[in-house]
Amino acid sequence: MLGPILMFSHNETKTKTKFLGLTDPSNLRTGNIITTSHKMANLSSLLEDRYGTTSSGSAAPPATSITTNSTLETLLQHKSVRNFLPEPLTPGILEILTAAAQSAATSSNLQTWSAVAITTPSLKSQAATLCGDQAFIRAAPLFIVFCADLARLTATCAQHGTAGTGLEFLEMYTMTTIDASLAAQNACVAAEALGLGTCYVGAARNRPRELACLLSLPSRVVALFGLAIGQPDPEAPPAMVKPRLPQVDIMYRETWGRAAAAAGMSQQQREEENLALYDEALADFNRKQGRGDVPTWTYRSAHRIATVESLHGRDTFREVLRERGFQLR
């Protein structure tokens, strides 16, 4: 059984790196973190960045009297970073990220997840090849593969002489994916709070058999996704906050479709109207990024799931789960 986070590392030099305001790695252990002055962003501007603009103006929700704080700022400014400096992370960072991950909620405290942290360049390169052959995984000093883990509970059942029949059901696999996702998001937010960049990697499911073999995953453990972490490269074009769908298409009040009914339209009509506005907001974002030729979100999304081939090998995942001991009854 795993971890929760199993570390694959290479011998790092002992050169002190001035990073994240840490003049000495021991600051992480003692808590003596040196911070730089930072002007808090306005909450309205953070929301405008998160929801973008359309021909009708800002797509952000109405202004609020709530004031921002560092936690909200970190959350609302999340962005995917794919350009990293090659320097290894300060010693102690992985332990902090692990603690943050383990601080996430977990169903019944069963903690049905584990992870493999990879820093060795050769191993990371092999993992990158299996995860869509993406260069930023190789460039990031740390790549964490988050896993569904029922091996630990299988062992506890054997220890106490119980059948563990409940582990055979889809419910337990669902639980592992939720636990792993909550843990990973905590680690992601912690990394960003430390000034690091992150990027999730769903392509860890592209070739799950080979990745399980590479990482020596035991039975009833399977890789779900990866998380690349490192210091953003200041010489590369900065990652930007990408607009998300309108809140009214995500957060329903009291019952599904209630707002559409109150507006005198069907839920489908309301969704079509809001998706058209989101296509505008994302097109505006892409134009500002010099990518005006990128197709609309609805077009790209429809083609992303159009065929089996568009799943890039993930259509075999149910079969792989069964092979790895997840019965999914």
Protein backbone atom coordinates (compact mmCIF):
# COMPACT_ATOMS: atom_id res chain seq x y z
CA MET A 1 0.00 0.00 0.00
CA LEU A 2 1.10 3.57 -0.53
CA GLY A 3 1.93 6.81 1.26
CA PRO A 4 -0.16 8.83 1.58
CA ILE A 5 2.61 10.42 -0.51
CA LEU A 6 5.50 8.23 -1.62
CA MET A 7 8.58 10.25 -2.57
CA PHE A 8 10.78 9.41 -5.57
CA SER A 9 13.68 11.87 -5.36
CA HIS A 10 17.17 12.47 -6.69
CA ASN A 11 20.19 13.69 -4.76
CA GLU A 12 19.85 17.43 -4.67
CA THR A 13 22.71 19.85 -4.21
CA LYS A 14 22.92 21.65 -0.89
CA THR A 15 23.11 25.04 -2.52
CA LYS A 16 20.81 27.47 -0.76
CA THR A 17 18.17 28.86 -3.05
CA LYS A 18 16.49 32.15 -2.34
CA PHE A 19 12.92 31.21 -3.09
CA LEU A 20 9.49 32.30 -1.97
CA GLY A 21 11.04 34.73 0.50
CA LEU A 22 12.92 31.93 2.27
CA THR A 23 16.53 32.84 2.93
CA ASP A 24 17.22 29.41 4.39
CA PRO A 25 15.37 26.09 4.01
CA SER A 26 15.29 25.80 7.80
CA ASN A 27 12.76 28.63 7.78
CA LEU A 28 10.18 26.12 6.58
CA ARG A 29 10.83 23.92 9.59
CA THR A 30 10.89 26.74 12.13
CA GLY A 31 8.10 28.76 10.60
CA ASN A 32 10.33 31.79 10.03
CA ILE A 33 8.92 32.60 6.61
CA ILE A 34 9.92 36.01 5.33
CA THR A 35 7.08 37.62 3.43
CA THR A 36 7.14 40.51 1.03
CA SER A 37 4.62 43.33 1.02
CA HIS A 38 1.60 42.58 -1.11
CA LYS A 39 -1.33 44.80 -1.99
CA MET A 40 -4.59 42.90 -1.74
CA ALA A 41 -6.57 42.74 -4.98
CA ASN A 42 -10.07 44.19 -5.08
CA LEU A 43 -12.74 41.47 -4.86
CA SER A 44 -14.74 42.96 -7.73
CA SER A 45 -11.73 42.88 -10.04
CA LEU A 46 -10.99 39.28 -9.03
CA LEU A 47 -14.54 38.27 -9.93
CA GLU A 48 -14.40 40.17 -13.21
CA ASP A 49 -11.25 38.27 -14.16
CA ARG A 50 -12.84 34.97 -13.19
CA TYR A 51 -16.02 35.50 -15.25
CA GLY A 52 -14.76 37.72 -18.08
CA THR A 53 -16.67 40.19 -20.22
CA THR A 54 -19.26 39.91 -22.98
CA SER A 55 -20.92 42.38 -25.34
CA SER A 56 -23.22 43.19 -22.42
CA GLY A 57 -20.31 44.05 -20.12
CA SER A 58 -18.89 42.20 -17.13
CA ALA A 59 -20.14 38.64 -16.64
CA ALA A 60 -19.21 38.71 -12.95
CA PRO A 61 -21.91 38.37 -10.27
CA PRO A 62 -23.22 41.59 -8.67
CA ALA A 63 -20.97 43.59 -6.38
CA THR A 64 -20.89 42.55 -2.73
CA SER A 65 -19.92 44.22 0.53
CA ILE A 66 -17.69 41.26 1.38
CA THR A 67 -14.04 42.25 1.57
CA THR A 68 -11.32 40.08 0.13
CA ASN A 69 -8.55 38.30 2.03
CA SER A 70 -5.49 36.29 1.10
CA THR A 71 -7.41 33.00 0.99
CA LEU A 72 -10.07 34.32 -1.37
CA GLU A 73 -7.43 35.98 -3.48
CA THR A 74 -5.48 32.73 -3.87
CA LEU A 75 -8.61 30.77 -4.76
CA LEU A 76 -10.02 33.29 -7.24
CA GLN A 77 -6.67 33.78 -8.98
CA HIS A 78 -6.09 30.09 -9.71
CA LYS A 79 -4.60 29.49 -13.13
CA SER A 80 -2.82 26.63 -14.88
CA VAL A 81 0.93 27.22 -15.14
CA ARG A 82 2.88 25.30 -17.79
CA ASN A 83 6.20 27.14 -17.76
CA PHE A 84 8.46 26.36 -14.81
CA LEU A 85 11.96 27.14 -13.65
CA PRO A 86 14.07 23.96 -13.36
CA GLU A 87 15.27 24.60 -9.80
CA PRO A 88 14.22 22.02 -7.20
CA LEU A 89 11.77 23.15 -4.57
CA THR A 90 12.98 24.26 -1.17
CA PRO A 91 13.29 21.31 1.23
CA GLY A 92 10.16 21.01 3.32
CA ILE A 93 7.73 22.16 0.60
CA LEU A 94 6.54 18.63 -0.17
CA GLU A 95 5.87 17.97 3.50
CA ILE A 96 3.79 21.15 3.77
CA LEU A 97 1.81 20.23 0.65
CA THR A 98 1.25 16.73 2.01
CA ALA A 99 0.01 18.12 5.32
CA ALA A 100 -2.36 20.43 3.46
CA ALA A 101 -3.62 17.52 1.36
CA GLN A 102 -4.18 15.39 4.44
CA SER A 103 -6.09 18.25 6.05
CA ALA A 104 -8.86 17.91 3.47
CA ALA A 105 -12.14 16.27 4.40
CA THR A 106 -12.24 12.49 3.95
CA SER A 107 -15.33 10.31 4.11
CA SER A 108 -15.59 8.50 7.49
CA ASN A 109 -11.88 9.30 7.96
CA LEU A 110 -11.11 6.29 5.73
CA GLN A 111 -8.48 8.31 3.80
CA THR A 112 -8.86 6.28 0.62
CA TRP A 113 -6.15 8.01 -1.38
CA SER A 114 -2.40 7.99 -1.75
CA ALA A 115 0.03 9.76 -4.04
CA VAL A 116 3.46 9.36 -5.60
CA ALA A 117 5.74 12.41 -5.66
CA ILE A 118 8.28 12.32 -8.49
CA THR A 119 11.35 14.55 -8.70
CA THR A 120 13.91 12.28 -10.38
CA PRO A 121 14.26 13.71 -13.91
CA SER A 122 14.49 10.35 -15.69
CA LEU A 123 11.44 8.91 -13.93
CA LYS A 124 9.53 12.16 -14.38
CA SER A 125 10.32 12.08 -18.10
CA GLN A 126 8.96 8.54 -18.39
CA ALA A 127 5.82 9.58 -16.51
CA ALA A 128 5.45 12.59 -18.82
CA THR A 129 5.61 10.33 -21.86
CA LEU A 130 2.76 8.25 -20.46
CA CYS A 131 0.77 11.37 -19.53
CA GLY A 132 0.28 12.85 -22.98
CA ASP A 133 4.00 13.46 -23.56
CA GLN A 134 3.66 16.97 -22.14
CA ALA A 135 6.90 18.94 -21.79
CA PHE A 136 5.78 20.97 -18.77
CA ILE A 137 5.67 17.78 -16.66
CA ARG A 138 9.36 17.24 -17.39
CA ALA A 139 10.12 20.89 -16.66
CA ALA A 140 8.30 21.01 -13.32
CA PRO A 141 10.57 20.07 -10.41
CA LEU A 142 7.73 18.15 -8.75
CA PHE A 143 5.06 15.93 -10.28
CA ILE A 144 2.57 14.31 -7.90
CA VAL A 145 0.37 11.46 -9.12
CA PHE A 146 -2.77 11.18 -6.99
CA CYS A 147 -4.21 7.70 -6.70
CA ALA A 148 -7.38 5.92 -5.66
CA ASP A 149 -6.21 3.59 -2.90
CA LEU A 150 -8.25 0.69 -1.53
CA ALA A 151 -5.12 -1.37 -0.80
CA ARG A 152 -4.76 0.13 2.67
CA LEU A 153 -8.32 -0.81 3.65
CA THR A 154 -7.84 -4.26 2.11
CA ALA A 155 -4.90 -4.74 4.47
CA THR A 156 -6.88 -3.53 7.50
CA CYS A 157 -9.64 -6.03 6.69
CA ALA A 158 -7.07 -8.83 6.55
CA GLN A 159 -5.56 -7.63 9.82
CA HIS A 160 -8.89 -7.79 11.64
CA GLY A 161 -10.31 -10.83 9.86
CA THR A 162 -13.21 -9.15 8.06
CA ALA A 163 -14.37 -9.92 4.53
CA GLY A 164 -14.15 -6.35 3.25
CA THR A 165 -17.08 -6.99 0.94
CA GLY A 166 -17.94 -3.30 0.88
CA LEU A 167 -14.71 -2.61 -1.01
CA GLU A 168 -16.12 -4.40 -4.04
CA PHE A 169 -18.79 -1.80 -4.75
CA LEU A 170 -18.82 1.27 -7.00
CA GLU A 171 -19.49 3.39 -3.92
CA MET A 172 -15.98 2.76 -2.60
CA TYR A 173 -14.34 3.70 -5.90
CA THR A 174 -16.45 6.85 -5.94
CA MET A 175 -15.26 7.59 -2.41
CA THR A 176 -11.61 7.20 -3.39
CA THR A 177 -11.94 9.64 -6.28
CA ILE A 178 -13.64 12.21 -4.05
CA ASP A 179 -11.04 11.82 -1.30
CA ALA A 180 -8.16 12.12 -3.77
CA SER A 181 -9.68 15.17 -5.47
CA LEU A 182 -10.26 17.00 -2.19
CA ALA A 183 -6.71 16.22 -1.07
CA ALA A 184 -5.20 17.34 -4.37
CA GLN A 185 -7.10 20.62 -4.37
CA ASN A 186 -5.86 21.38 -0.87
CA ALA A 187 -2.30 20.70 -2.04
CA CYS A 188 -2.87 22.88 -5.11
CA VAL A 189 -4.14 25.82 -3.06
CA ALA A 190 -1.28 25.43 -0.58
CA ALA A 191 1.25 25.46 -3.42
CA GLU A 192 -0.27 28.59 -4.92
CA ALA A 193 -0.35 30.25 -1.50
CA LEU A 194 3.42 29.67 -1.38
CA GLY A 195 3.85 31.41 -4.73
CA LEU A 196 4.22 28.24 -6.78
CA GLY A 197 2.50 27.44 -10.06
CA THR A 198 0.45 24.30 -10.64
CA CYS A 199 -1.19 22.38 -13.44
CA TYR A 200 -3.46 19.34 -13.16
CA VAL A 201 -2.84 16.45 -15.55
CA GLY A 202 -5.84 14.30 -16.43
CA ALA A 203 -3.67 12.51 -19.01
CA ALA A 204 -2.45 10.30 -16.15
CA ARG A 205 -5.42 8.16 -17.24
CA ASN A 206 -4.31 7.94 -20.89
CA ARG A 207 -2.09 4.88 -20.35
CA PRO A 208 -3.02 3.69 -16.86
CA ARG A 209 -1.52 0.21 -17.15
CA GLU A 210 1.92 1.51 -18.07
CA LEU A 211 1.81 4.25 -15.43
CA ALA A 212 0.84 1.74 -12.73
CA CYS A 213 3.78 -0.41 -13.77
CA LEU A 214 6.20 2.54 -13.83
CA LEU A 215 5.19 3.62 -10.32
CA SER A 216 4.94 0.05 -8.95
CA LEU A 217 1.35 0.58 -7.85
CA PRO A 218 -0.07 -2.41 -5.94
CA SER A 219 -3.43 -4.06 -6.55
CA ARG A 220 -6.44 -1.88 -5.72
CA VAL A 221 -4.44 1.30 -6.39
CA VAL A 222 -4.80 3.27 -9.63
CA ALA A 223 -3.57 6.68 -10.80
CA LEU A 224 -6.36 9.25 -11.19
CA PHE A 225 -4.55 12.45 -12.21
CA GLY A 226 -1.29 14.30 -11.78
CA LEU A 227 -0.32 17.71 -10.44
CA ALA A 228 2.77 19.50 -11.78
CA ILE A 229 4.23 21.99 -9.31
CA GLY A 230 7.09 24.46 -9.56
CA GLN A 231 8.20 28.06 -9.56
CA PRO A 232 6.68 29.85 -12.58
CA ASP A 233 9.21 30.97 -15.20
CA PRO A 234 9.18 34.80 -15.08
CA GLU A 235 10.57 34.96 -18.64
CA ALA A 236 7.63 33.03 -20.11
CA PRO A 237 4.27 34.62 -20.97
CA PRO A 238 2.36 34.73 -17.69
CA ALA A 239 -0.56 32.38 -17.16
CA MET A 240 -3.84 34.26 -16.92
CA VAL A 241 -7.09 33.67 -15.04
CA LYS A 242 -9.45 31.98 -17.48
CA PRO A 243 -13.16 32.88 -17.34
CA ARG A 244 -15.54 30.20 -16.10
CA LEU A 245 -19.17 29.47 -16.90
CA PRO A 246 -21.77 31.90 -15.50
CA GLN A 247 -22.75 31.12 -11.92
CA VAL A 248 -26.41 30.70 -12.92
CA ASP A 249 -25.41 27.67 -15.00
CA ILE A 250 -23.49 26.11 -12.12
CA MET A 251 -25.16 27.06 -8.83
CA TYR A 252 -28.91 26.46 -8.79
CA ARG A 253 -30.95 28.01 -6.00
CA GLU A 254 -33.22 25.65 -4.03
CA THR A 255 -34.22 23.48 -7.03
CA TRP A 256 -32.84 22.82 -10.51
CA GLY A 257 -34.18 25.22 -13.13
CA ARG A 258 -36.05 27.47 -10.72
CA ALA A 259 -34.47 30.67 -12.09
CA ALA A 260 -35.36 29.73 -15.67
CA ALA A 261 -38.99 29.15 -14.72
CA ALA A 262 -39.09 32.50 -12.90
CA ALA A 263 -37.80 34.16 -16.08
CA GLY A 264 -40.54 32.53 -18.13
CA MET A 265 -38.27 30.28 -20.17
CA SER A 266 -37.31 26.62 -20.26
CA GLN A 267 -34.08 25.45 -18.68
CA GLN A 268 -32.76 24.57 -22.14
CA GLN A 269 -33.44 28.07 -23.43
CA ARG A 270 -31.69 29.61 -20.45
CA GLU A 271 -28.68 27.33 -20.84
CA GLU A 272 -28.39 28.11 -24.55
CA GLU A 273 -28.53 31.84 -23.81
CA ASN A 274 -25.92 31.60 -21.05
CA LEU A 275 -23.61 29.37 -23.09
CA ALA A 276 -23.72 31.88 -25.94
CA LEU A 277 -22.64 34.58 -23.48
CA TYR A 278 -19.86 32.33 -22.17
CA ASP A 279 -18.63 31.72 -25.71
CA GLU A 280 -18.38 35.52 -25.98
CA ALA A 281 -16.52 35.87 -22.68
CA LEU A 282 -13.99 33.18 -23.54
CA ALA A 283 -13.55 34.53 -27.08
CA ASP A 284 -12.77 37.94 -25.59
CA PHE A 285 -10.23 36.33 -23.26
CA ASN A 286 -8.58 34.44 -26.13
CA ARG A 287 -8.36 37.59 -28.27
CA LYS A 288 -6.57 39.39 -25.46
CA GLN A 289 -4.15 36.45 -25.31
CA GLY A 290 -3.47 36.67 -29.05
CA ARG A 291 -5.48 33.51 -29.74
CA GLY A 292 -8.40 34.98 -31.62
CA ASP A 293 -8.61 31.94 -33.92
CA VAL A 294 -9.45 29.52 -31.08
CA PRO A 295 -12.91 27.96 -31.61
CA THR A 296 -15.70 28.70 -29.17
CA TRP A 297 -15.98 26.81 -25.89
CA THR A 298 -19.17 25.01 -26.96
CA TYR A 299 -17.54 23.90 -30.23
CA ARG A 300 -14.35 22.69 -28.54
CA SER A 301 -16.26 20.92 -25.76
CA ALA A 302 -18.55 19.13 -28.20
CA HIS A 303 -15.58 17.88 -30.21
CA ARG A 304 -13.59 16.97 -27.08
CA ILE A 305 -16.14 14.21 -26.35
CA ALA A 306 -17.29 13.49 -29.92
CA THR A 307 -15.62 10.11 -30.44
CA VAL A 308 -13.91 7.29 -28.60
CA GLU A 309 -10.62 8.49 -30.06
CA SER A 310 -11.12 11.89 -28.45
CA LEU A 311 -10.76 10.19 -25.04
CA HIS A 312 -7.08 9.46 -25.82
CA GLY A 313 -7.13 5.95 -24.41
CA ARG A 314 -9.28 6.65 -21.37
CA ASP A 315 -12.13 4.58 -22.81
CA THR A 316 -10.34 1.52 -21.37
CA PHE A 317 -10.36 2.84 -17.81
CA ARG A 318 -13.23 0.65 -16.54
CA GLU A 319 -11.39 -2.41 -17.81
CA VAL A 320 -8.19 -1.24 -16.14
CA LEU A 321 -10.01 -0.66 -12.85
CA ARG A 322 -11.25 -4.25 -12.87
CA GLU A 323 -7.78 -5.53 -13.69
CA ARG A 324 -6.43 -3.60 -10.73
CA GLY A 325 -8.92 -5.08 -8.28
CA PHE A 326 -11.77 -2.56 -8.35
CA GLN A 327 -14.83 -4.80 -8.82
CA LEU A 328 -17.33 -1.90 -9.23
CA ARG A 329 -20.38 -3.96 -8.27
